[in-house]
N, C-alpha and C. Protein backbone atom coordinates (compact mmCIF):
# COMPACT_ATOMS: atom_id res chain seq x y z
N VAL A 1 123.22 93.57 54.04
CA VAL A 1 121.78 93.67 53.86
C VAL A 1 121.45 93.70 52.37
N ASN A 2 122.24 94.41 51.60
CA ASN A 2 121.97 94.51 50.17
C ASN A 2 122.06 93.14 49.49
N ALA A 3 123.00 92.31 49.91
CA ALA A 3 123.14 90.97 49.33
C ALA A 3 121.90 90.12 49.62
N VAL A 4 121.36 90.23 50.81
CA VAL A 4 120.15 89.48 51.17
C VAL A 4 118.96 89.98 50.36
N VAL A 5 118.84 91.29 50.24
CA VAL A 5 117.75 91.88 49.46
C VAL A 5 117.81 91.38 48.02
N ASN A 6 118.99 91.42 47.42
CA ASN A 6 119.13 90.97 46.03
C ASN A 6 118.83 89.48 45.89
N ALA A 7 119.26 88.68 46.84
CA ALA A 7 118.98 87.24 46.80
C ALA A 7 117.48 86.98 46.89
N MET A 8 116.80 87.72 47.73
CA MET A 8 115.35 87.54 47.86
C MET A 8 114.63 87.94 46.58
N ARG A 9 115.08 89.00 45.95
CA ARG A 9 114.46 89.42 44.69
C ARG A 9 114.64 88.37 43.61
N GLN A 10 115.80 87.71 43.58
CA GLN A 10 116.06 86.68 42.59
C GLN A 10 115.23 85.43 42.82
N LYS A 11 114.90 85.16 44.08
CA LYS A 11 114.20 83.94 44.44
C LYS A 11 112.75 83.92 43.96
N PHE A 12 112.11 85.08 43.91
CA PHE A 12 110.70 85.14 43.58
C PHE A 12 110.49 85.62 42.15
N PRO A 13 109.57 85.00 41.42
CA PRO A 13 109.35 85.34 40.01
C PRO A 13 108.97 86.80 39.78
N SER A 14 108.26 87.40 40.72
CA SER A 14 107.81 88.79 40.53
C SER A 14 108.96 89.78 40.67
N ARG A 15 110.06 89.36 41.31
CA ARG A 15 111.21 90.21 41.57
C ARG A 15 110.84 91.47 42.35
N LYS A 16 109.77 91.38 43.12
CA LYS A 16 109.36 92.51 43.95
C LYS A 16 110.40 92.76 45.04
N TRP A 17 110.46 93.98 45.49
CA TRP A 17 111.38 94.35 46.56
C TRP A 17 110.81 93.91 47.90
N PRO A 18 111.63 93.33 48.76
CA PRO A 18 111.17 93.04 50.12
C PRO A 18 111.15 94.35 50.91
N LEU A 19 110.40 94.37 51.99
CA LEU A 19 110.38 95.53 52.87
C LEU A 19 111.66 95.50 53.71
N ILE A 20 112.41 96.58 53.66
CA ILE A 20 113.67 96.69 54.40
C ILE A 20 113.42 97.62 55.58
N ILE A 21 113.53 97.09 56.79
CA ILE A 21 113.25 97.86 57.99
C ILE A 21 114.56 98.07 58.75
N VAL A 22 114.93 99.33 58.94
CA VAL A 22 116.13 99.67 59.69
C VAL A 22 115.84 100.88 60.57
N HIS A 23 116.61 101.05 61.62
CA HIS A 23 116.47 102.22 62.48
C HIS A 23 116.93 103.44 61.69
N ASN A 24 116.25 104.57 61.89
CA ASN A 24 116.58 105.74 61.08
C ASN A 24 118.02 106.22 61.23
N ARG A 25 118.66 105.92 62.35
CA ARG A 25 120.06 106.35 62.50
C ARG A 25 120.99 105.56 61.57
N ARG A 26 120.52 104.45 61.03
CA ARG A 26 121.33 103.65 60.11
C ARG A 26 121.31 104.18 58.68
N ILE A 27 120.40 105.12 58.39
CA ILE A 27 120.32 105.64 57.03
C ILE A 27 120.68 107.12 56.94
N LYS A 28 121.14 107.69 58.05
CA LYS A 28 121.55 109.10 58.06
C LYS A 28 122.85 109.23 58.84
N GLY A 29 123.84 109.88 58.23
CA GLY A 29 125.10 110.13 58.90
C GLY A 29 126.01 108.92 58.94
N GLY A 30 127.23 109.14 59.36
CA GLY A 30 128.20 108.05 59.48
C GLY A 30 128.45 107.34 58.17
N ARG A 31 128.47 106.03 58.24
CA ARG A 31 128.74 105.21 57.04
C ARG A 31 127.65 105.35 55.98
N ALA A 32 126.46 105.71 56.38
CA ALA A 32 125.37 105.87 55.41
C ALA A 32 125.65 106.99 54.42
N ASP A 33 126.50 107.93 54.78
CA ASP A 33 126.82 109.05 53.90
C ASP A 33 127.95 108.75 52.92
N ASP A 34 128.58 107.59 53.04
CA ASP A 34 129.60 107.20 52.06
C ASP A 34 128.90 107.00 50.72
N PRO A 35 129.50 107.48 49.61
CA PRO A 35 128.82 107.41 48.31
C PRO A 35 128.25 106.04 47.92
N PRO A 36 128.99 104.93 48.09
CA PRO A 36 128.39 103.64 47.70
C PRO A 36 127.16 103.29 48.54
N ASN A 37 127.23 103.59 49.83
CA ASN A 37 126.09 103.30 50.71
C ASN A 37 124.92 104.22 50.41
N ARG A 38 125.20 105.48 50.11
CA ARG A 38 124.15 106.45 49.78
C ARG A 38 123.39 105.98 48.54
N ARG A 39 124.11 105.46 47.54
CA ARG A 39 123.45 104.98 46.32
C ARG A 39 122.51 103.81 46.62
N ILE A 40 122.94 102.90 47.47
CA ILE A 40 122.09 101.76 47.84
C ILE A 40 120.85 102.23 48.57
N ILE A 41 121.02 103.12 49.53
CA ILE A 41 119.88 103.64 50.30
C ILE A 41 118.90 104.36 49.38
N GLU A 42 119.41 105.16 48.46
CA GLU A 42 118.53 105.87 47.52
C GLU A 42 117.80 104.89 46.59
N LYS A 43 118.48 103.81 46.20
CA LYS A 43 117.84 102.79 45.35
C LYS A 43 116.67 102.17 46.10
N TRP A 44 116.87 101.86 47.38
CA TRP A 44 115.80 101.28 48.19
C TRP A 44 114.65 102.27 48.36
N ARG A 45 114.98 103.54 48.59
CA ARG A 45 113.93 104.57 48.74
C ARG A 45 113.12 104.71 47.46
N THR A 46 113.82 104.76 46.33
CA THR A 46 113.15 104.91 45.04
C THR A 46 112.21 103.73 44.78
N ALA A 47 112.60 102.55 45.22
CA ALA A 47 111.78 101.35 45.03
C ALA A 47 110.65 101.27 46.06
N ASP A 48 110.57 102.23 46.98
CA ASP A 48 109.56 102.22 48.05
C ASP A 48 109.69 100.98 48.92
N ALA A 49 110.92 100.54 49.14
CA ALA A 49 111.16 99.31 49.90
C ALA A 49 111.73 99.59 51.29
N LEU A 50 112.03 100.84 51.59
CA LEU A 50 112.72 101.18 52.84
C LEU A 50 111.76 101.78 53.85
N TYR A 51 111.80 101.23 55.07
CA TYR A 51 111.06 101.81 56.19
C TYR A 51 112.06 102.04 57.31
N ALA A 52 112.17 103.29 57.75
CA ALA A 52 113.07 103.63 58.85
C ALA A 52 112.26 103.79 60.12
N THR A 53 112.59 103.00 61.13
CA THR A 53 111.87 103.11 62.40
C THR A 53 112.24 104.44 63.04
N PRO A 54 111.28 105.11 63.65
CA PRO A 54 111.54 106.42 64.24
C PRO A 54 112.40 106.34 65.50
N THR A 55 113.04 107.44 65.81
CA THR A 55 113.82 107.54 67.05
C THR A 55 112.90 107.33 68.23
N GLY A 56 113.36 106.57 69.20
CA GLY A 56 112.57 106.32 70.39
C GLY A 56 111.77 105.04 70.34
N SER A 57 111.66 104.45 69.16
CA SER A 57 110.93 103.19 69.08
C SER A 57 111.82 102.07 69.61
N ASN A 58 111.22 101.09 70.20
CA ASN A 58 111.97 99.96 70.74
C ASN A 58 112.19 98.96 69.62
N ASP A 59 113.39 98.96 69.07
CA ASP A 59 113.66 98.09 67.92
C ASP A 59 114.46 96.85 68.29
N ASP A 60 114.44 96.46 69.55
CA ASP A 60 115.16 95.26 69.98
C ASP A 60 114.45 94.00 69.54
C-alpha cells in the first residue's frame, strides 16, 4: 500500500496525499505494531490521509 501511495504522490504536481482507507483492525495490533509498519501508519495519520473504517461496517 505504501508503494502505491508514494507512486500516486509522485504522479501529481501538488504531491498531495491520497485518502487511504483501511479497516481499523489493519492499523491496530498484529503486524501493524511492528516498528516499520507503525512508522508508516503514523506518517499517514500525521498527513491526515488515513481513514479507518469502523468495526461492523461492511467493507467488502
